[in-house]
Protein backbone atom coordinates (compact mmCIF):
# COMPACT_ATOMS: atom_id res chain seq x y z
CA MET A 1 -119.46 97.46 42.20
CA THR A 2 -118.38 99.48 45.22
CA LYS A 3 -120.48 102.62 45.60
CA HIS A 4 -118.63 105.80 46.41
CA ASP A 5 -120.03 108.72 48.37
CA TYR A 6 -122.21 110.75 46.01
CA TYR A 7 -120.80 114.05 47.26
CA GLU A 8 -117.28 112.81 46.56
CA VAL A 9 -118.34 111.56 43.12
CA LEU A 10 -119.44 115.08 42.14
CA GLY A 11 -116.64 116.73 44.11
CA VAL A 12 -118.93 119.00 46.17
CA GLU A 13 -119.35 119.70 49.87
CA ARG A 14 -122.23 118.12 51.78
CA ASN A 15 -123.84 121.54 52.20
CA ALA A 16 -123.52 122.39 48.49
CA GLY A 17 -126.46 124.24 46.92
CA GLU A 18 -128.48 123.20 43.89
CA ASP A 19 -126.49 125.43 41.53
CA ASP A 20 -123.16 124.05 42.76
CA ILE A 21 -124.39 120.48 42.24
CA LYS A 22 -125.58 121.25 38.71
CA LYS A 23 -122.35 123.02 37.84
CA ALA A 24 -120.24 120.10 39.09
CA TYR A 25 -122.41 117.59 37.22
CA ARG A 26 -122.23 119.47 33.94
CA LYS A 27 -118.45 119.60 34.06
CA LEU A 28 -117.98 115.91 34.90
CA ALA A 29 -120.68 114.69 32.51
CA MET A 30 -119.01 116.49 29.63
CA GLN A 31 -115.63 115.07 30.64
CA TYR A 32 -116.72 111.41 30.89
CA HIS A 33 -119.42 111.35 28.20
CA PRO A 34 -119.21 108.10 26.14
CA ASP A 35 -119.10 110.08 22.92
CA ARG A 36 -115.82 111.63 24.05
CA ASN A 37 -114.39 108.38 25.44
CA LYS A 38 -115.33 105.77 22.86
CA GLY A 39 -114.35 102.27 23.95
CA ASP A 40 -113.30 103.40 27.43
CA LYS A 41 -115.30 101.22 29.83
CA SER A 42 -113.98 103.00 32.91
CA ALA A 43 -115.22 106.35 31.54
CA GLU A 44 -118.60 104.77 30.82
CA GLU A 45 -118.86 103.48 34.40
CA LYS A 46 -117.78 106.87 35.71
CA PHE A 47 -120.44 108.56 33.57
CA LYS A 48 -123.13 106.28 35.01
CA GLU A 49 -121.90 106.91 38.54
CA ILE A 50 -121.99 110.67 37.99
CA GLY A 51 -125.54 110.45 36.65
CA GLU A 52 -126.63 108.33 39.59
CA ALA A 53 -125.13 110.78 42.07
CA TYR A 54 -126.79 113.73 40.36
CA ALA A 55 -130.18 112.01 40.22
CA VAL A 56 -130.09 111.64 44.00
CA LEU A 57 -128.49 114.92 45.11
CA ASN A 58 -130.57 117.04 42.73
CA ASN A 59 -133.81 115.69 44.23
CA PRO A 60 -134.55 117.22 47.68
CA ASP A 61 -136.45 114.17 49.00
CA LYS A 62 -133.92 111.64 47.75
CA ARG A 63 -131.04 113.76 49.00
CA ALA A 64 -132.58 114.02 52.47
CA ARG A 65 -132.94 110.24 52.70
CA TYR A 66 -129.43 109.71 51.35
CA ASP A 67 -128.01 112.12 53.95
CA ARG A 68 -129.75 110.08 56.65
CA PHE A 69 -129.32 106.49 55.47
CA GLY A 70 -126.50 106.66 52.92
CA HIS A 71 -126.54 104.14 50.07
CA ALA A 72 -129.01 102.01 52.04
CA ALA A 73 -131.66 104.49 50.91
CA THR A 74 -131.05 103.47 47.26
CA SER A 75 -131.06 99.70 47.84
CA PRO A 76 -133.96 97.44 46.78
CA GLY A 77 -135.02 97.06 50.41
CA ALA A 78 -135.66 100.78 50.67
CA SER A 79 -138.66 100.74 48.31
CA GLN A 80 -141.16 101.32 51.10
CA GLY A 81 -139.31 104.49 52.00
CA GLY A 82 -139.97 106.08 48.65
CA TYR A 83 -136.87 105.15 46.61
CA GLY A 84 -137.65 101.81 45.04
CA ASN A 85 -135.09 99.57 43.36
CA PHE A 86 -132.50 102.09 42.14
CA GLU A 87 -130.74 100.59 39.13
CA PHE A 88 -129.07 103.30 37.06
CA ASP A 89 -127.81 102.18 33.63
CA LEU A 90 -126.17 104.04 30.76
CA SER A 91 -129.46 104.90 29.04
CA ASP A 92 -130.67 106.53 32.28
CA ALA A 93 -127.45 108.53 32.48
CA LEU A 94 -127.76 109.71 28.88
CA ARG A 95 -131.38 110.68 29.37
CA GLN A 96 -130.43 112.55 32.56
CA PHE A 97 -127.72 114.37 30.60
CA MET A 98 -130.07 115.34 27.79
CA GLU A 99 -133.18 116.34 29.77
CA GLY A 100 -131.86 118.61 32.44
CA GLY A 101 -128.47 117.70 33.75
CA ALA A 102 -126.62 119.61 31.08
CA PHE A 103 -128.21 120.49 27.73
CA GLY A 104 -131.65 121.11 29.23
CA ASP A 105 -130.27 123.82 31.52
CA PHE A 106 -128.29 125.44 28.72
CA PHE A 107 -130.89 125.27 25.95
CA GLY A 108 -134.32 125.41 27.55
CA GLY A 109 -136.66 124.24 24.79
CA MET A 110 -134.58 121.24 23.68
CA ARG A 111 -137.52 118.99 24.43
CA GLY A 112 -139.66 120.44 21.69
CA GLU A 113 -142.03 122.82 23.46
CA SER A 114 -143.45 125.58 21.26
CA ARG A 115 -144.22 129.06 22.50
CA GLY A 116 -146.37 130.09 19.59
CA PRO A 117 -146.45 133.51 17.87
CA THR A 118 -144.86 136.42 19.69
CA ARG A 119 -145.69 140.11 19.73
CA THR A 120 -142.61 142.30 19.77
CA ARG A 121 -142.67 144.78 22.63
CA GLY A 122 -141.87 148.40 21.91
CA GLY A 123 -138.79 149.99 23.43
CA ASP A 124 -138.75 151.99 26.65
CA LEU A 125 -138.11 155.73 26.61
CA GLN A 126 -136.38 157.92 29.19
CA ILE A 127 -137.06 161.60 29.74
CA ASN A 128 -135.24 163.80 32.27
CA LEU A 129 -137.59 166.25 33.97
CA LYS A 130 -136.10 169.30 35.72
CA LEU A 131 -137.98 170.55 38.78
CA THR A 132 -137.54 173.52 41.10
CA LEU A 133 -137.26 173.05 44.86
CA GLU A 134 -140.65 174.74 45.20
CA GLU A 135 -142.22 172.13 42.90
CA ILE A 136 -140.51 169.34 44.83
CA PHE A 137 -141.74 170.86 48.08
CA THR A 138 -145.42 170.82 47.06
CA GLY A 139 -145.52 168.08 44.44
CA VAL A 140 -146.65 168.95 40.94
CA THR A 141 -148.37 167.63 37.82
CA LYS A 142 -146.36 168.19 34.66
CA LYS A 143 -147.52 167.82 31.07
CA ILE A 144 -144.59 166.71 28.93
CA LYS A 145 -144.19 166.18 25.21
CA VAL A 146 -142.99 162.73 24.17
CA ARG A 147 -141.56 161.91 20.75
CA HIS A 148 -142.06 158.21 20.17
CA TYR A 149 -143.43 155.49 17.91
CA LYS A 150 -147.25 155.51 17.85
CA PRO A 151 -149.66 152.94 16.38
CA CYS A 152 -150.34 153.77 12.74
CA GLU A 153 -153.83 155.25 12.43
CA GLU A 154 -154.05 154.35 8.75
CA CYS A 155 -153.90 150.59 9.36
CA SER A 156 -154.78 150.54 13.09
CA GLY A 157 -151.35 149.10 13.82
CA SER A 158 -151.71 145.97 11.70
CA GLY A 159 -149.21 146.98 9.02
CA ALA A 160 -151.60 145.87 6.26
CA LYS A 161 -152.95 148.26 3.63
CA ARG A 162 -156.45 149.50 4.38
CA GLY A 163 -158.98 147.05 2.99
CA THR A 164 -156.60 144.10 3.38
CA SER A 165 -155.56 142.02 6.36
CA ARG A 166 -152.64 140.03 7.64
CA MET A 167 -152.33 136.43 6.40
CA THR A 168 -151.04 133.31 8.09
CA CYS A 169 -147.32 132.84 7.45
CA SER A 170 -146.77 129.93 5.03
CA THR A 171 -143.30 129.20 6.41
CA CYS A 172 -144.25 128.56 10.04
CA ARG A 173 -148.01 128.07 9.45
CA GLY A 174 -148.84 130.67 12.07
CA SER A 175 -146.71 129.30 14.90
CA GLY A 176 -144.06 132.02 14.66
CA GLN A 177 -141.35 129.38 14.90
CA VAL A 178 -139.54 126.91 12.68
CA ARG A 179 -138.27 123.52 13.85
CA GLN A 180 -135.18 121.76 12.62
CA VAL A 181 -134.72 118.09 13.53
CA SER A 182 -131.31 116.44 13.53
CA ARG A 183 -130.10 113.07 14.71
CA SER A 184 -126.89 111.92 16.36
CA ILE A 185 -125.58 109.04 18.38
CA LEU A 186 -127.15 110.72 21.42
CA GLY A 187 -130.61 110.75 19.91
CA GLN A 188 -132.87 113.26 18.20
CA PHE A 189 -132.36 117.00 18.60
CA VAL A 190 -135.07 119.55 17.88
CA ASN A 191 -133.89 123.11 17.34
CA ILE A 192 -136.63 125.75 17.52
CA THR A 193 -135.94 129.24 16.16
CA THR A 194 -137.95 132.36 15.34
CA CYS A 195 -139.47 132.23 11.90
CA PRO A 196 -137.36 134.44 9.56
CA GLN A 197 -140.32 135.11 7.26
CA CYS A 198 -142.75 136.62 9.78
CA ARG A 199 -140.22 137.40 12.55
CA GLY A 200 -142.19 135.40 15.06
CA GLN A 201 -145.53 137.11 14.39
CA GLY A 202 -147.17 134.12 12.75
CA THR A 203 -148.71 136.39 10.10
CA VAL A 204 -147.48 138.42 7.14
CA VAL A 205 -148.88 141.18 4.93
CA SER A 206 -149.21 140.92 1.17
CA GLU A 207 -149.82 144.64 0.71
CA PRO A 208 -148.02 146.81 3.29
CA CYS A 209 -149.64 149.96 4.61
CA PRO A 210 -148.13 152.94 2.73
CA ALA A 211 -148.19 155.17 5.83
CA CYS A 212 -146.06 152.92 8.05
CA ARG A 213 -144.52 150.71 5.31
CA GLY A 214 -145.99 147.62 6.90
CA GLU A 215 -144.53 148.14 10.38
CA GLY A 216 -147.78 149.14 12.04
CA ARG A 217 -146.29 152.20 13.76
CA VAL A 218 -145.12 155.69 12.86
CA ARG A 219 -143.10 158.40 14.58
CA GLY A 220 -145.17 161.04 16.30
CA GLU A 221 -145.66 163.17 19.41
CA SER A 222 -147.90 162.81 22.44
CA PHE A 223 -148.52 164.85 25.56
CA VAL A 224 -148.38 162.91 28.80
CA SER A 225 -149.35 164.13 32.29
CA VAL A 226 -146.95 163.07 35.05
CA ASP A 227 -147.86 163.33 38.73
CA ILE A 228 -144.72 164.14 40.76
CA PRO A 229 -145.12 163.47 44.49
CA ALA A 230 -143.67 165.88 47.05
CA GLY A 231 -140.20 165.08 48.32
CA VAL A 232 -138.67 163.45 45.24
CA ALA A 233 -134.93 163.77 44.73
CA ALA A 234 -132.59 163.88 41.75
CA GLY A 235 -132.29 160.37 40.34
CA ASN A 236 -135.75 159.23 41.44
CA TYR A 237 -137.86 158.05 38.53
CA ILE A 238 -141.48 157.36 37.68
CA GLN A 239 -142.27 154.43 35.38
CA MET A 240 -145.32 155.00 33.23
CA ARG A 241 -146.53 151.70 31.82
CA GLY A 242 -147.38 151.62 28.13
CA LYS A 243 -146.35 155.22 27.43
CA GLY A 244 -143.14 154.38 25.55
CA ASN A 245 -142.68 153.25 21.96
CA ALA A 246 -145.47 151.25 20.34
CA GLY A 247 -144.43 147.75 19.35
CA PRO A 248 -144.35 146.80 15.66
CA TYR A 249 -147.32 144.92 14.21
CA SER A 250 -149.65 145.80 17.14
CA GLY A 251 -147.01 144.72 19.65
CA HIS A 252 -147.23 145.79 23.28
CA PRO A 253 -145.94 149.32 23.95
CA GLY A 254 -142.87 149.97 26.06
CA ASP A 255 -142.73 152.17 29.15
CA LEU A 256 -141.85 155.80 29.70
CA ILE A 257 -139.25 156.41 32.41
CA VAL A 258 -139.37 159.95 33.82
CA VAL A 259 -136.14 160.72 35.71
CA VAL A 260 -136.17 163.63 38.15
CA GLU A 261 -133.54 166.36 37.98
CA GLU A 262 -133.30 169.39 40.29
CA LYS A 263 -132.81 172.92 39.05
CA GLU A 264 -130.21 174.96 40.89
CA HIS A 265 -131.89 177.30 43.37
CA PRO A 266 -130.74 180.91 43.83
CA HIS A 267 -130.97 180.74 47.65
CA PHE A 268 -131.16 177.15 48.88
CA THR A 269 -128.98 174.06 48.76
CA ARG A 270 -130.61 170.70 49.36
CA ARG A 271 -129.30 168.26 51.98
CA GLY A 272 -131.61 165.27 51.91
CA ASP A 273 -134.95 166.53 53.19
CA ASP A 274 -133.32 169.63 54.73
CA ILE A 275 -132.56 172.83 52.85
CA LEU A 276 -129.62 175.10 53.63
CA TYR A 277 -129.70 178.89 53.46
CA VAL A 278 -126.61 181.03 54.02
CA LEU A 279 -127.33 184.20 56.02
CA THR A 280 -124.66 186.92 55.98
CA LEU A 281 -124.69 189.32 58.98
CA SER A 282 -122.76 192.44 59.88
CA ILE A 283 -120.39 192.64 62.86
CA PRO A 284 -122.92 194.60 64.98
CA GLN A 285 -125.65 192.04 64.24
CA ILE A 286 -123.33 189.22 65.28
CA VAL A 287 -122.24 190.96 68.47
CA LEU A 288 -125.55 192.48 69.54
CA GLY A 289 -128.00 189.98 68.06
CA ASP A 290 -130.91 190.82 65.80
CA ASP A 291 -134.28 189.73 64.41
CA VAL A 292 -134.00 189.21 60.67
CA GLU A 293 -136.24 188.12 57.82
CA VAL A 294 -135.12 185.08 55.79
CA PRO A 295 -136.64 183.48 52.68
CA THR A 296 -138.30 180.04 52.90
CA LEU A 297 -139.90 177.74 50.35
CA THR A 298 -143.30 179.18 51.25
CA GLY A 299 -142.40 182.86 51.54
CA LYS A 300 -140.52 184.62 54.33
CA ALA A 301 -140.09 184.08 58.06
CA ARG A 302 -138.55 185.91 61.03
CA LEU A 303 -135.41 184.48 62.63
CA HIS A 304 -133.93 185.55 65.97
CA ILE A 305 -130.15 185.90 66.15
CA GLU A 306 -128.77 185.57 69.68
CA PRO A 307 -126.03 188.06 70.71
CA GLY A 308 -122.55 186.61 70.12
CA THR A 309 -123.69 183.98 67.61
CA PRO A 310 -120.40 182.77 66.08
CA HIS A 311 -119.54 182.67 62.42
CA GLY A 312 -120.34 179.25 60.93
CA ARG A 313 -123.08 178.30 63.41
CA ILE A 314 -126.11 176.60 61.87
CA LEU A 315 -129.55 177.54 63.14
CA ARG A 316 -132.47 175.18 62.57
CA MET A 317 -135.97 176.23 61.50
CA ARG A 318 -138.07 173.15 62.24
CA GLY A 319 -140.48 171.79 59.63
CA ARG A 320 -139.58 174.23 56.87
CA GLY A 321 -137.75 171.69 54.71
CA LEU A 322 -139.03 169.09 52.24
CA LYS A 323 -141.58 166.37 52.92
CA HIS A 324 -140.30 162.82 53.30
CA LEU A 325 -141.02 160.94 50.09
CA LYS A 326 -141.68 157.69 51.98
CA GLY A 327 -143.34 158.07 55.33
CA TYR A 328 -144.42 160.99 57.46
CA GLY A 329 -142.60 164.12 58.55
CA THR A 330 -140.80 167.07 57.03
CA GLY A 331 -137.20 168.19 56.94
CA ASP A 332 -135.89 171.47 58.34
CA GLN A 333 -134.47 174.68 56.96
CA LEU A 334 -130.88 175.14 58.09
CA VAL A 335 -129.51 178.67 58.31
CA GLU A 336 -125.72 178.99 58.28
CA ILE A 337 -124.42 182.21 59.80
CA ARG A 338 -121.70 184.04 57.89
CA LEU A 339 -119.94 187.21 59.05
CA TYR A 340 -119.57 190.11 56.66
CA VAL A 341 -116.26 191.98 56.99
CA PRO A 342 -116.14 195.27 55.04
CA GLU A 343 -113.12 195.77 52.81
CA LYS A 344 -113.14 199.56 53.19
CA LEU A 345 -114.01 201.77 56.17
CA THR A 346 -114.89 205.44 56.42
CA PRO A 347 -112.71 207.56 58.69
CA GLU A 348 -115.44 207.56 61.34
CA GLU A 349 -115.84 203.77 61.17
CA ARG A 350 -112.08 203.30 61.47
CA ARG A 351 -112.00 205.60 64.52
CA LEU A 352 -114.74 203.56 66.19
CA PHE A 353 -112.95 200.30 65.51
CA GLU A 354 -109.70 201.75 66.87
CA GLU A 355 -111.50 202.62 70.08
CA LEU A 356 -113.02 199.14 70.30
CA LYS A 357 -109.60 197.68 69.73
CA GLN A 358 -108.39 199.28 72.94
CA SER A 359 -111.28 197.99 75.01
CA GLU A 360 -110.12 195.53 77.68
CA ASN A 361 -113.42 193.66 77.43
CA LEU A 362 -112.74 192.85 73.76
CA LYS A 363 -109.16 191.74 74.32
CA PRO A 364 -108.55 187.98 74.35
CA LYS A 365 -108.38 186.27 77.71
CA ALA A 366 -105.84 183.60 78.62
CA ASN A 367 -105.85 180.79 76.04
CA GLN A 368 -108.62 182.57 74.21
CA LYS A 369 -108.58 184.39 70.90
CA SER A 370 -110.02 187.84 70.51
CA PHE A 371 -113.21 188.45 68.61
CA PHE A 372 -111.29 190.03 65.75
CA SER A 373 -108.80 187.13 65.69
CA LYS A 374 -111.72 184.78 65.31
CA VAL A 375 -113.04 186.89 62.46
CA LYS A 376 -109.62 186.86 60.79
CA ASP A 377 -109.22 183.12 61.22
CA ALA A 378 -112.69 182.43 59.89
CA PHE A 379 -112.07 184.31 56.66
CA SER A 380 -108.51 183.09 56.13
CA ALA A 381 -109.58 179.43 56.41
């Protein structure tokens, strides 16, 4: 029989990955399976050819030799190169289909392996923890109250009444699984499922614990200490292993997920590792300059305002922001300058502004707006 190119047989490119080859094989093997094409010899031959192609292309060593030598690598004379006499019959194709080409990938466990009893893991819990910027700046240890399932103290988590113990499940004989065997034209199938009697535990209780009703856990409260590193941000989380819900019947506990939230600050707005503070100044302070005191995350600090500092300028106070969560360094405190314009003036203040209005030095130059025009534009924007 003329051998076709294995890549063409499966309908894949020569650079196709393992998943693409498996996907193509599954589709074609289902299409040409003898059970679906009874009496069709051409379908049977196609099924064997598909299995042969998959057996080669799904094996890295065989595929490498095939890419180099073609079908010569699968001939009897190639045995010294590691292939051997490659005769692929229908039984080989069916076995390939059952053990990994199709069903094996879909139903891992079809070949009869047993995992044994299982211990159900408890569920994870999530708690949102609100922090101030000051706490984020320094890092903090918080003690939080957690409402969760705890191991039952009455039965030590076993679920059995005190003075009794768990017994081996008679349905699965302690394996935690039940096996159902069925036969078809394709061979023997073994279906393994979780035991419905013991729910996979392998043991049962004859007298349930009255405190937990045989579950081995009860609802309760615990206090947990959480170490929050400096520099965390909203949305960051800390996973605390084993601090979640206890599993039933002495099962492994779940985790506690602590998600960080930030409380709104009365003075600062966070921008990454920088913090922004808005500083409002009077017209004389803007024009003449000043030395002012501004709040920081550690107290207060002096800030020099240069004469003529425009509205909207941002001044930078180095190293007064938040610490980088990963790595070294610290953000800055940004100070945005805002101009305060009074809504009402006293007669004396109005007279002074009228005099300033007439000053040639304060009048706009060519292609330049006056100081008061800038003030008007800034507050009308």
